[in-house]
Amino acid sequence: MDLAPSLAADILANLVGVFAGAILALWADRRTRARHAAQAEADLREELANSRKLVISSVVKNTSEAKRLGGLLSSNDDPYLFQVGFEVAVWEATQAEFVRIASLDERVLLTRFFDQVRRLTGLIDFHRQVRAQLEIGQTAWDAGDRALLDDSVKRLKSVADEIRLDGVIVVTDLGDPMHKRLIGIREPEPSASAA
């Protein structure tokens, strides 16, 4: 008879031990998962920041190129626009990852901007072809030729202005102070009363 209470005490102690061990294991697992989730979130934020910095640098370059294109179109120093070089390779290389981790607003702004850049590069190629065909043609330019070239220049200027505006918006919304300085955006200085 003395054996039953001792056996019951041992079984109860083992059950409490197993239960306590299971609770401790679940608690440790939950803490480990939370730590891994926090680390994954931090890694994702760092990846987004690095991707954003790289893409915004490309936006700054393309915005500056769009501004320079306007000057080239006005001066006719480079009638074939060979000196103009827009860059979309960074966006194409990072687009899939950036779209996966960025907010919807960022994706829309940047996709629209780089679509405009692609459109402008297509227009530049068209302008180069028209200009080359007119230059190598055996006949003098007629009114239609001049109108086609003038329309091409107007369209290039219009799209370049849109890109410049879009670039300023993107850099204002997403860029850091260095990007803003490079594009010519001045940060408001803090007032003395705010300090």
N, C-alpha and C. Protein backbone atom coordinates (compact mmCIF):
# COMPACT_ATOMS: atom_id res chain seq x y z
N MET A 1 0.80 -1.17 0.00
CA MET A 1 0.00 0.00 0.00
C MET A 1 0.85 1.25 0.00
N ASP A 2 1.95 1.14 0.59
CA ASP A 2 2.84 2.28 0.67
C ASP A 2 3.39 2.64 -0.71
N LEU A 3 3.34 1.71 -1.60
CA LEU A 3 3.89 1.89 -2.94
C LEU A 3 3.03 2.81 -3.81
N ALA A 4 1.74 2.76 -3.64
CA ALA A 4 0.83 3.56 -4.47
C ALA A 4 1.04 5.05 -4.31
N PRO A 5 1.10 5.59 -3.08
CA PRO A 5 1.34 7.04 -3.00
C PRO A 5 2.70 7.44 -3.55
N SER A 6 3.69 6.61 -3.35
CA SER A 6 5.03 6.93 -3.88
C SER A 6 5.01 6.91 -5.40
N LEU A 7 4.32 5.91 -5.97
CA LEU A 7 4.21 5.82 -7.43
C LEU A 7 3.41 7.02 -7.98
N ALA A 8 2.33 7.37 -7.32
CA ALA A 8 1.52 8.52 -7.75
C ALA A 8 2.34 9.80 -7.67
N ALA A 9 3.16 9.95 -6.63
CA ALA A 9 4.00 11.15 -6.49
C ALA A 9 5.04 11.20 -7.60
N ASP A 10 5.64 10.05 -7.92
CA ASP A 10 6.63 10.00 -9.01
C ASP A 10 5.98 10.32 -10.36
N ILE A 11 4.80 9.75 -10.61
CA ILE A 11 4.10 10.01 -11.89
C ILE A 11 3.73 11.48 -11.99
N LEU A 12 3.22 12.03 -10.86
CA LEU A 12 2.84 13.44 -10.85
C LEU A 12 4.07 14.33 -11.06
N ALA A 13 5.17 14.00 -10.45
CA ALA A 13 6.41 14.78 -10.61
C ALA A 13 6.89 14.71 -12.06
N ASN A 14 6.80 13.52 -12.63
CA ASN A 14 7.21 13.37 -14.04
C ASN A 14 6.30 14.15 -14.97
N LEU A 15 4.99 14.11 -14.71
CA LEU A 15 4.05 14.86 -15.53
C LEU A 15 4.30 16.37 -15.42
N VAL A 16 4.53 16.83 -14.20
CA VAL A 16 4.83 18.26 -14.00
C VAL A 16 6.13 18.61 -14.71
N GLY A 17 7.11 17.74 -14.64
CA GLY A 17 8.40 17.98 -15.30
C GLY A 17 8.25 18.03 -16.82
N VAL A 18 7.49 17.07 -17.36
CA VAL A 18 7.26 17.05 -18.80
C VAL A 18 6.49 18.29 -19.23
N PHE A 19 5.44 18.62 -18.47
CA PHE A 19 4.64 19.80 -18.78
C PHE A 19 5.48 21.07 -18.71
N ALA A 20 6.28 21.19 -17.66
CA ALA A 20 7.14 22.36 -17.51
C ALA A 20 8.19 22.40 -18.63
N GLY A 21 8.73 21.25 -18.97
CA GLY A 21 9.70 21.19 -20.07
C GLY A 21 9.09 21.59 -21.40
N ALA A 22 7.85 21.13 -21.65
CA ALA A 22 7.16 21.49 -22.89
C ALA A 22 6.89 22.98 -22.93
N ILE A 23 6.46 23.54 -21.80
CA ILE A 23 6.21 24.99 -21.75
C ILE A 23 7.49 25.76 -21.98
N LEU A 24 8.58 25.35 -21.35
CA LEU A 24 9.87 26.02 -21.55
C LEU A 24 10.35 25.89 -23.00
N ALA A 25 10.15 24.71 -23.58
CA ALA A 25 10.56 24.52 -24.98
C ALA A 25 9.73 25.40 -25.91
N LEU A 26 8.43 25.48 -25.67
CA LEU A 26 7.58 26.36 -26.49
C LEU A 26 7.97 27.82 -26.31
N TRP A 27 8.25 28.21 -25.09
CA TRP A 27 8.66 29.59 -24.82
C TRP A 27 9.99 29.91 -25.52
N ALA A 28 10.94 28.99 -25.43
CA ALA A 28 12.24 29.20 -26.09
C ALA A 28 12.07 29.24 -27.60
N ASP A 29 11.21 28.35 -28.14
CA ASP A 29 10.96 28.35 -29.59
C ASP A 29 10.32 29.65 -30.04
N ARG A 30 9.37 30.14 -29.27
CA ARG A 30 8.71 31.41 -29.60
C ARG A 30 9.70 32.57 -29.58
N ARG A 31 10.56 32.58 -28.59
CA ARG A 31 11.58 33.64 -28.52
C ARG A 31 12.56 33.55 -29.70
N THR A 32 12.95 32.34 -30.06
CA THR A 32 13.86 32.15 -31.19
C THR A 32 13.19 32.60 -32.49
N ARG A 33 11.93 32.24 -32.67
CA ARG A 33 11.21 32.67 -33.87
C ARG A 33 11.06 34.19 -33.91
N ALA A 34 10.76 34.77 -32.79
CA ALA A 34 10.64 36.24 -32.74
C ALA A 34 11.98 36.90 -33.06
N ARG A 35 13.06 36.35 -32.55
CA ARG A 35 14.40 36.89 -32.83
C ARG A 35 14.73 36.75 -34.32
N HIS A 36 14.41 35.59 -34.90
CA HIS A 36 14.66 35.38 -36.34
C HIS A 36 13.78 36.31 -37.19
N ALA A 37 12.54 36.48 -36.78
CA ALA A 37 11.64 37.38 -37.52
C ALA A 37 12.14 38.82 -37.44
N ALA A 38 12.60 39.24 -36.28
CA ALA A 38 13.14 40.60 -36.13
C ALA A 38 14.39 40.77 -36.98
N GLN A 39 15.25 39.75 -37.02
CA GLN A 39 16.46 39.83 -37.84
C GLN A 39 16.12 39.86 -39.31
N ALA A 40 15.14 39.04 -39.72
CA ALA A 40 14.72 39.03 -41.12
C ALA A 40 14.13 40.39 -41.51
N GLU A 41 13.36 40.98 -40.62
CA GLU A 41 12.78 42.31 -40.87
C GLU A 41 13.88 43.37 -40.99
N ALA A 42 14.88 43.29 -40.11
CA ALA A 42 15.99 44.24 -40.18
C ALA A 42 16.78 44.06 -41.48
N ASP A 43 17.00 42.80 -41.87
CA ASP A 43 17.71 42.54 -43.13
C ASP A 43 16.92 43.07 -44.33
N LEU A 44 15.61 42.90 -44.30
CA LEU A 44 14.75 43.38 -45.37
C LEU A 44 14.79 44.91 -45.46
N ARG A 45 14.73 45.58 -44.30
CA ARG A 45 14.81 47.06 -44.28
C ARG A 45 16.14 47.53 -44.83
N GLU A 46 17.23 46.85 -44.46
CA GLU A 46 18.55 47.23 -44.96
C GLU A 46 18.65 47.00 -46.47
N GLU A 47 18.11 45.89 -46.94
CA GLU A 47 18.11 45.60 -48.37
C GLU A 47 17.30 46.65 -49.14
N LEU A 48 16.15 47.04 -48.59
CA LEU A 48 15.34 48.07 -49.22
C LEU A 48 16.08 49.40 -49.25
N ALA A 49 16.73 49.75 -48.15
CA ALA A 49 17.48 51.02 -48.11
C ALA A 49 18.60 51.03 -49.13
N ASN A 50 19.33 49.92 -49.25
CA ASN A 50 20.42 49.84 -50.22
C ASN A 50 19.89 49.89 -51.65
N SER A 51 18.81 49.15 -51.92
CA SER A 51 18.22 49.16 -53.26
C SER A 51 17.68 50.54 -53.59
N ARG A 52 17.03 51.18 -52.63
CA ARG A 52 16.48 52.51 -52.85
C ARG A 52 17.59 53.50 -53.17
N LYS A 53 18.68 53.44 -52.43
CA LYS A 53 19.79 54.38 -52.66
C LYS A 53 20.35 54.18 -54.07
N LEU A 54 20.51 52.96 -54.48
CA LEU A 54 21.04 52.66 -55.81
C LEU A 54 20.09 53.15 -56.90
N VAL A 55 18.81 52.87 -56.75
CA VAL A 55 17.83 53.26 -57.76
C VAL A 55 17.68 54.78 -57.81
N ILE A 56 17.66 55.43 -56.66
CA ILE A 56 17.51 56.89 -56.63
C ILE A 56 18.74 57.55 -57.24
N SER A 57 19.91 56.97 -57.08
CA SER A 57 21.10 57.51 -57.75
C SER A 57 20.93 57.45 -59.27
N SER A 58 20.32 56.38 -59.77
CA SER A 58 20.03 56.27 -61.19
C SER A 58 18.99 57.31 -61.61
N VAL A 59 18.02 57.58 -60.76
CA VAL A 59 17.02 58.61 -61.05
C VAL A 59 17.69 59.97 -61.16
N VAL A 60 18.61 60.26 -60.25
CA VAL A 60 19.34 61.54 -60.28
C VAL A 60 20.11 61.68 -61.58
N LYS A 61 20.79 60.61 -61.99
CA LYS A 61 21.57 60.66 -63.23
C LYS A 61 20.67 60.90 -64.43
N ASN A 62 19.56 60.18 -64.50
CA ASN A 62 18.64 60.32 -65.63
C ASN A 62 17.96 61.68 -65.65
N THR A 63 17.65 62.21 -64.48
CA THR A 63 17.04 63.54 -64.40
C THR A 63 18.02 64.60 -64.90
N SER A 64 19.28 64.47 -64.51
CA SER A 64 20.31 65.40 -64.99
C SER A 64 20.50 65.28 -66.50
N GLU A 65 20.44 64.07 -67.00
CA GLU A 65 20.57 63.84 -68.44
C GLU A 65 19.40 64.46 -69.19
N ALA A 66 18.20 64.37 -68.63
CA ALA A 66 17.02 64.97 -69.27
C ALA A 66 17.18 66.48 -69.35
N LYS A 67 17.73 67.06 -68.30
CA LYS A 67 17.96 68.51 -68.30
C LYS A 67 19.00 68.87 -69.37
N ARG A 68 20.04 68.08 -69.45
CA ARG A 68 21.10 68.32 -70.45
C ARG A 68 20.56 68.13 -71.86
N LEU A 69 19.65 67.19 -72.05
CA LEU A 69 19.05 66.96 -73.36
C LEU A 69 18.33 68.21 -73.84
N GLY A 70 17.61 68.89 -72.95
CA GLY A 70 16.93 70.12 -73.33
C GLY A 70 17.90 71.15 -73.88
N GLY A 71 19.06 71.28 -73.26
CA GLY A 71 20.09 72.20 -73.75
C GLY A 71 20.64 71.78 -75.10
N LEU A 72 20.86 70.50 -75.27
CA LEU A 72 21.39 70.01 -76.55
C LEU A 72 20.39 70.22 -77.69
N LEU A 73 19.11 70.05 -77.40
CA LEU A 73 18.09 70.25 -78.43
C LEU A 73 17.99 71.71 -78.83
N SER A 74 18.22 72.60 -77.89
CA SER A 74 18.13 74.04 -78.18
C SER A 74 19.35 74.53 -78.96
N SER A 75 20.51 73.94 -78.69
CA SER A 75 21.75 74.45 -79.31
C SER A 75 22.08 73.80 -80.64
N ASN A 76 21.61 72.60 -80.89
CA ASN A 76 21.93 71.85 -82.11
C ASN A 76 23.42 71.55 -82.23
N ASP A 77 24.13 71.53 -81.07
CA ASP A 77 25.55 71.17 -81.06
C ASP A 77 25.76 69.69 -81.37
N ASP A 78 24.79 68.88 -80.99
CA ASP A 78 24.87 67.44 -81.21
C ASP A 78 23.59 67.01 -81.91
N PRO A 79 23.48 67.22 -83.22
CA PRO A 79 22.21 66.97 -83.92
C PRO A 79 21.73 65.53 -83.83
N TYR A 80 22.63 64.59 -83.62
CA TYR A 80 22.23 63.18 -83.53
C TYR A 80 22.03 62.73 -82.09
N LEU A 81 22.32 63.62 -81.14
CA LEU A 81 22.15 63.36 -79.71
C LEU A 81 22.98 62.17 -79.24
N PHE A 82 24.20 62.07 -79.75
CA PHE A 82 25.08 60.97 -79.34
C PHE A 82 25.64 61.18 -77.95
N GLN A 83 25.67 62.43 -77.48
CA GLN A 83 26.25 62.70 -76.17
C GLN A 83 25.29 62.35 -75.03
N VAL A 84 24.05 62.07 -75.37
CA VAL A 84 23.05 61.78 -74.35
C VAL A 84 23.09 60.30 -74.01
N GLY A 85 23.13 60.00 -72.74
CA GLY A 85 23.17 58.60 -72.32
C GLY A 85 22.29 58.36 -71.11
N PHE A 86 21.10 57.87 -71.33
CA PHE A 86 20.21 57.54 -70.22
C PHE A 86 20.54 56.15 -69.72
N GLU A 87 20.23 55.90 -68.46
CA GLU A 87 20.63 54.67 -67.83
C GLU A 87 19.40 53.99 -67.22
N VAL A 88 19.10 52.79 -67.69
CA VAL A 88 18.00 52.00 -67.13
C VAL A 88 18.49 50.65 -66.62
N ALA A 89 19.76 50.36 -66.76
CA ALA A 89 20.29 49.05 -66.37
C ALA A 89 20.16 48.79 -64.88
N VAL A 90 20.35 49.83 -64.05
CA VAL A 90 20.23 49.64 -62.60
C VAL A 90 18.81 49.24 -62.24
N TRP A 91 17.84 49.93 -62.84
CA TRP A 91 16.44 49.60 -62.55
C TRP A 91 16.11 48.19 -63.03
N GLU A 92 16.57 47.84 -64.22
CA GLU A 92 16.29 46.51 -64.74
C GLU A 92 16.93 45.43 -63.88
N ALA A 93 18.11 45.71 -63.33
CA ALA A 93 18.80 44.73 -62.50
C ALA A 93 18.16 44.59 -61.11
N THR A 94 17.62 45.67 -60.58
CA THR A 94 17.08 45.63 -59.22
C THR A 94 15.56 45.62 -59.16
N GLN A 95 14.91 45.74 -60.29
CA GLN A 95 13.45 45.90 -60.32
C GLN A 95 12.72 44.76 -59.62
N ALA A 96 13.06 43.53 -59.90
CA ALA A 96 12.33 42.40 -59.32
C ALA A 96 12.43 42.39 -57.80
N GLU A 97 13.63 42.58 -57.27
CA GLU A 97 13.81 42.60 -55.83
C GLU A 97 13.16 43.83 -55.21
N PHE A 98 13.33 44.98 -55.86
CA PHE A 98 12.79 46.22 -55.33
C PHE A 98 11.27 46.17 -55.28
N VAL A 99 10.67 45.68 -56.33
CA VAL A 99 9.21 45.58 -56.38
C VAL A 99 8.71 44.62 -55.31
N ARG A 100 9.48 43.61 -55.00
CA ARG A 100 9.10 42.62 -53.99
C ARG A 100 9.06 43.24 -52.59
N ILE A 101 9.96 44.18 -52.29
CA ILE A 101 10.07 44.66 -50.92
C ILE A 101 9.63 46.11 -50.72
N ALA A 102 9.45 46.87 -51.78
CA ALA A 102 9.10 48.29 -51.64
C ALA A 102 7.60 48.48 -51.47
N SER A 103 7.25 49.67 -51.01
CA SER A 103 5.83 50.00 -50.86
C SER A 103 5.22 50.25 -52.24
N LEU A 104 3.91 50.22 -52.29
CA LEU A 104 3.20 50.42 -53.55
C LEU A 104 3.50 51.80 -54.14
N ASP A 105 3.54 52.83 -53.31
CA ASP A 105 3.82 54.19 -53.80
C ASP A 105 5.20 54.27 -54.46
N GLU A 106 6.19 53.67 -53.81
CA GLU A 106 7.54 53.68 -54.39
C GLU A 106 7.57 52.93 -55.72
N ARG A 107 6.92 51.79 -55.76
CA ARG A 107 6.90 51.00 -57.00
C ARG A 107 6.26 51.78 -58.13
N VAL A 108 5.15 52.45 -57.84
CA VAL A 108 4.45 53.21 -58.88
C VAL A 108 5.32 54.37 -59.36
N LEU A 109 5.90 55.14 -58.42
CA LEU A 109 6.73 56.28 -58.80
C LEU A 109 7.92 55.85 -59.68
N LEU A 110 8.61 54.82 -59.24
CA LEU A 110 9.82 54.42 -59.96
C LEU A 110 9.51 53.71 -61.28
N THR A 111 8.48 52.91 -61.30
CA THR A 111 8.10 52.26 -62.55
C THR A 111 7.70 53.29 -63.58
N ARG A 112 6.92 54.27 -63.16
CA ARG A 112 6.51 55.35 -64.08
C ARG A 112 7.73 56.12 -64.59
N PHE A 113 8.64 56.45 -63.68
CA PHE A 113 9.82 57.20 -64.08
C PHE A 113 10.64 56.43 -65.12
N PHE A 114 10.93 55.18 -64.84
CA PHE A 114 11.79 54.42 -65.76
C PHE A 114 11.06 54.05 -67.05
N ASP A 115 9.75 53.94 -67.01
CA ASP A 115 9.00 53.77 -68.26
C ASP A 115 9.14 55.02 -69.13
N GLN A 116 9.10 56.19 -68.50
CA GLN A 116 9.30 57.44 -69.24
C GLN A 116 10.72 57.50 -69.83
N VAL A 117 11.70 57.05 -69.08
CA VAL A 117 13.08 57.05 -69.59
C VAL A 117 13.20 56.13 -70.80
N ARG A 118 12.59 54.94 -70.72
CA ARG A 118 12.61 54.03 -71.87
C ARG A 118 11.92 54.66 -73.08
N ARG A 119 10.82 55.33 -72.82
CA ARG A 119 10.10 56.01 -73.91
C ARG A 119 10.97 57.09 -74.54
N LEU A 120 11.67 57.84 -73.71
CA LEU A 120 12.54 58.90 -74.23
C LEU A 120 13.71 58.31 -75.03
N THR A 121 14.28 57.22 -74.57
CA THR A 121 15.38 56.62 -75.35
C THR A 121 14.88 56.13 -76.70
N GLY A 122 13.64 55.62 -76.75
CA GLY A 122 13.05 55.23 -78.04
C GLY A 122 12.85 56.43 -78.95
N LEU A 123 12.42 57.55 -78.39
CA LEU A 123 12.25 58.78 -79.18
C LEU A 123 13.59 59.32 -79.67
N ILE A 124 14.61 59.19 -78.84
CA ILE A 124 15.95 59.63 -79.27
C ILE A 124 16.43 58.77 -80.43
N ASP A 125 16.22 57.47 -80.34
CA ASP A 125 16.60 56.59 -81.45
C ASP A 125 15.84 56.96 -82.73
N PHE A 126 14.56 57.25 -82.60
CA PHE A 126 13.77 57.67 -83.76
C PHE A 126 14.33 58.97 -84.33
N HIS A 127 14.63 59.92 -83.46
CA HIS A 127 15.19 61.21 -83.90
C HIS A 127 16.52 61.01 -84.64
N ARG A 128 17.35 60.14 -84.10
CA ARG A 128 18.64 59.87 -84.75
C ARG A 128 18.43 59.29 -86.16
N GLN A 129 17.49 58.36 -86.28
CA GLN A 129 17.22 57.74 -87.58
C GLN A 129 16.69 58.76 -88.58
N VAL A 130 15.75 59.58 -88.13
CA VAL A 130 15.19 60.61 -89.02
C VAL A 130 16.28 61.56 -89.45
N ARG A 131 17.05 62.01 -88.48
CA ARG A 131 18.12 62.97 -88.78
C ARG A 131 19.14 62.35 -89.75
N ALA A 132 19.50 61.11 -89.53
CA ALA A 132 20.47 60.45 -90.41
C ALA A 132 19.91 60.28 -91.82
N GLN A 133 18.65 59.88 -91.93
CA GLN A 133 18.06 59.70 -93.26
C GLN A 133 17.98 61.03 -94.00
N LEU A 134 17.67 62.09 -93.27
CA LEU A 134 17.61 63.41 -93.93
C LEU A 134 19.00 63.89 -94.34
N GLU A 135 19.99 63.60 -93.54
CA GLU A 135 21.35 64.05 -93.84
C GLU A 135 21.94 63.30 -95.03
N ILE A 136 21.67 61.99 -95.11
CA ILE A 136 22.29 61.22 -96.19
C ILE A 136 21.45 61.22 -97.46
N GLY A 137 20.25 61.78 -97.36
CA GLY A 137 19.37 61.85 -98.54
C GLY A 137 20.00 62.73 -99.63
N GLN A 138 19.72 62.40 -100.86
CA GLN A 138 20.31 63.10 -102.00
C GLN A 138 19.61 64.43 -102.28
N THR A 139 18.42 64.62 -101.73
CA THR A 139 17.67 65.83 -102.04
C THR A 139 17.72 66.80 -100.87
N ALA A 140 17.38 68.04 -101.19
CA ALA A 140 17.32 69.06 -100.13
C ALA A 140 16.09 68.81 -99.26
N TRP A 141 16.15 69.29 -98.04
CA TRP A 141 15.05 69.10 -97.11
C TRP A 141 13.85 69.92 -97.57
N ASP A 142 12.69 69.30 -97.54
CA ASP A 142 11.48 70.06 -97.88
C ASP A 142 10.75 70.42 -96.59
N ALA A 143 9.59 71.04 -96.72
CA ALA A 143 8.82 71.49 -95.55
C ALA A 143 8.39 70.31 -94.68
N GLY A 144 8.05 69.19 -95.30
CA GLY A 144 7.65 68.01 -94.54
C GLY A 144 8.79 67.45 -93.71
N ASP A 145 10.00 67.44 -94.30
CA ASP A 145 11.17 66.96 -93.56
C ASP A 145 11.43 67.83 -92.34
N ARG A 146 11.39 69.14 -92.56
CA ARG A 146 11.64 70.07 -91.45
C ARG A 146 10.55 69.95 -90.38
N ALA A 147 9.30 69.77 -90.81
CA ALA A 147 8.20 69.63 -89.86
C ALA A 147 8.37 68.36 -89.04
N LEU A 148 8.78 67.26 -89.68
CA LEU A 148 8.99 66.01 -88.97
C LEU A 148 10.10 66.16 -87.93
N LEU A 149 11.19 66.79 -88.33
CA LEU A 149 12.30 66.99 -87.40
C LEU A 149 11.91 67.94 -86.27
N ASP A 150 11.19 69.01 -86.59
CA ASP A 150 10.74 69.95 -85.56
C ASP A 150 9.78 69.28 -84.58
N ASP A 151 8.87 68.46 -85.10
CA ASP A 151 7.94 67.72 -84.23
C ASP A 151 8.70 66.74 -83.33
N SER A 152 9.72 66.11 -83.89
CA SER A 152 10.54 65.19 -83.11
C SER A 152 11.23 65.93 -81.97
N VAL A 153 11.78 67.10 -82.26
CA VAL A 153 12.46 67.90 -81.23
C VAL A 153 11.46 68.34 -80.16
N LYS A 154 10.28 68.78 -80.57
CA LYS A 154 9.26 69.20 -79.59
C LYS A 154 8.87 68.04 -78.68
N ARG A 155 8.69 66.88 -79.28
CA ARG A 155 8.30 65.70 -78.49
C ARG A 155 9.40 65.31 -77.52
N LEU A 156 10.65 65.36 -78.00
CA LEU A 156 11.79 65.06 -77.12
C LEU A 156 11.84 66.03 -75.94
N LYS A 157 11.66 67.32 -76.23
CA LYS A 157 11.69 68.32 -75.15
C LYS A 157 10.56 68.06 -74.16
N SER A 158 9.38 67.75 -74.67
CA SER A 158 8.22 67.50 -73.80
C SER A 158 8.46 66.31 -72.88
N VAL A 159 8.94 65.22 -73.43
CA VAL A 159 9.17 64.02 -72.61
C VAL A 159 10.34 64.25 -71.66
N ALA A 160 11.36 64.97 -72.09
CA ALA A 160 12.50 65.28 -71.21
C ALA A 160 12.03 66.13 -70.03
N ASP A 161 11.14 67.09 -70.28
CA ASP A 161 10.60 67.91 -69.19
C ASP A 161 9.78 67.06 -68.23
N GLU A 162 9.01 66.11 -68.76
CA GLU A 162 8.23 65.22 -67.90
C GLU A 162 9.16 64.38 -67.03
N ILE A 163 10.24 63.90 -67.61
CA ILE A 163 11.20 63.10 -66.85
C ILE A 163 11.86 63.93 -65.76
N ARG A 164 12.22 65.16 -66.11
CA ARG A 164 12.82 66.04 -65.09
C ARG A 164 11.86 66.25 -63.93
N LEU A 165 10.60 66.53 -64.24
CA LEU A 165 9.61 66.75 -63.19
C LEU A 165 9.41 65.47 -62.36
N ASP A 166 9.25 64.33 -63.04
CA ASP A 166 9.09 63.07 -62.33
C ASP A 166 10.31 62.77 -61.47
N GLY A 167 11.50 63.05 -61.99
CA GLY A 167 12.73 62.82 -61.23
C GLY A 167 12.79 63.66 -59.97
N VAL A 168 12.39 64.92 -60.09
CA VAL A 168 12.37 65.79 -58.91
C VAL A 168 11.37 65.26 -57.88
N ILE A 169 10.23 64.80 -58.34
CA ILE A 169 9.22 64.25 -57.42
C ILE A 169 9.75 63.00 -56.73
N VAL A 170 10.36 62.11 -57.49
CA VAL A 170 10.90 60.87 -56.91
C VAL A 170 11.98 61.19 -55.88
N VAL A 171 12.89 62.08 -56.23
CA VAL A 171 13.98 62.41 -55.31
C VAL A 171 13.44 63.15 -54.08
N THR A 172 12.47 64.02 -54.28
CA THR A 172 11.87 64.72 -53.14
C THR A 172 11.21 63.73 -52.18
N ASP A 173 10.49 62.76 -52.74
CA ASP A 173 9.77 61.80 -51.90
C ASP A 173 10.66 60.72 -51.30
N LEU A 174 11.65 60.24 -52.06
CA LEU A 174 12.39 59.05 -51.64
C LEU A 174 13.88 59.27 -51.40
N GLY A 175 14.41 60.36 -51.92
CA GLY A 175 15.86 60.56 -51.87
C GLY A 175 16.35 61.03 -50.52
N ASP A 176 17.63 60.81 -50.30
CA ASP A 176 18.25 61.33 -49.08
C ASP A 176 18.83 62.72 -49.38
N PRO A 177 19.34 63.43 -48.38
CA PRO A 177 19.82 64.80 -48.61
C PRO A 177 20.89 64.92 -49.70
N MET A 178 21.75 63.91 -49.84
CA MET A 178 22.78 63.96 -50.88
C MET A 178 22.14 63.96 -52.27
N HIS A 179 21.15 63.09 -52.49
CA HIS A 179 20.47 63.04 -53.78
C HIS A 179 19.78 64.37 -54.07
N LYS A 180 19.16 64.92 -53.05
CA LYS A 180 18.46 66.20 -53.23
C LYS A 180 19.43 67.31 -53.61
N ARG A 181 20.59 67.34 -52.97
CA ARG A 181 21.60 68.36 -53.33
C ARG A 181 22.08 68.17 -54.76
N LEU A 182 22.29 66.92 -55.17
CA LEU A 182 22.78 66.65 -56.52
C LEU A 182 21.80 67.12 -57.59
N ILE A 183 20.52 67.05 -57.29
CA ILE A 183 19.51 67.42 -58.27
C ILE A 183 19.12 68.90 -58.14
N GLY A 184 19.63 69.56 -57.10
CA GLY A 184 19.38 70.99 -56.94
C GLY A 184 18.20 71.32 -56.05
N ILE A 185 17.74 70.38 -55.25
CA ILE A 185 16.64 70.64 -54.32
C ILE A 185 17.25 71.12 -53.01
N ARG A 186 16.80 72.27 -52.58
CA ARG A 186 17.32 72.82 -51.32
C ARG A 186 16.39 72.44 -50.18
N GLU A 187 17.00 71.92 -49.14
CA GLU A 187 16.25 71.57 -47.94
C GLU A 187 15.98 72.85 -47.15
N PRO A 188 14.76 72.99 -46.62
CA PRO A 188 14.51 74.17 -45.79
C PRO A 188 15.36 74.09 -44.52
N GLU A 189 15.95 75.23 -44.18
CA GLU A 189 16.77 75.27 -42.98
C GLU A 189 15.87 75.38 -41.76
N PRO A 190 16.23 74.68 -40.69
CA PRO A 190 15.40 74.75 -39.50
C PRO A 190 15.42 76.18 -38.93
N SER A 191 14.27 76.61 -38.50
CA SER A 191 14.19 77.97 -37.97
C SER A 191 14.73 78.00 -36.54
N ALA A 192 15.16 79.17 -36.12
CA ALA A 192 15.73 79.33 -34.79
C ALA A 192 14.68 79.13 -33.71
N SER A 193 13.40 79.45 -34.01
CA SER A 193 12.34 79.29 -33.02
C SER A 193 12.00 77.83 -32.76
N ALA A 194 12.32 76.94 -33.73
CA ALA A 194 12.00 75.52 -33.58
C ALA A 194 13.00 74.84 -32.64
N ALA A 195 14.17 75.44 -32.45
CA ALA A 195 15.20 74.82 -31.61
C ALA A 195 14.98 75.02 -30.16
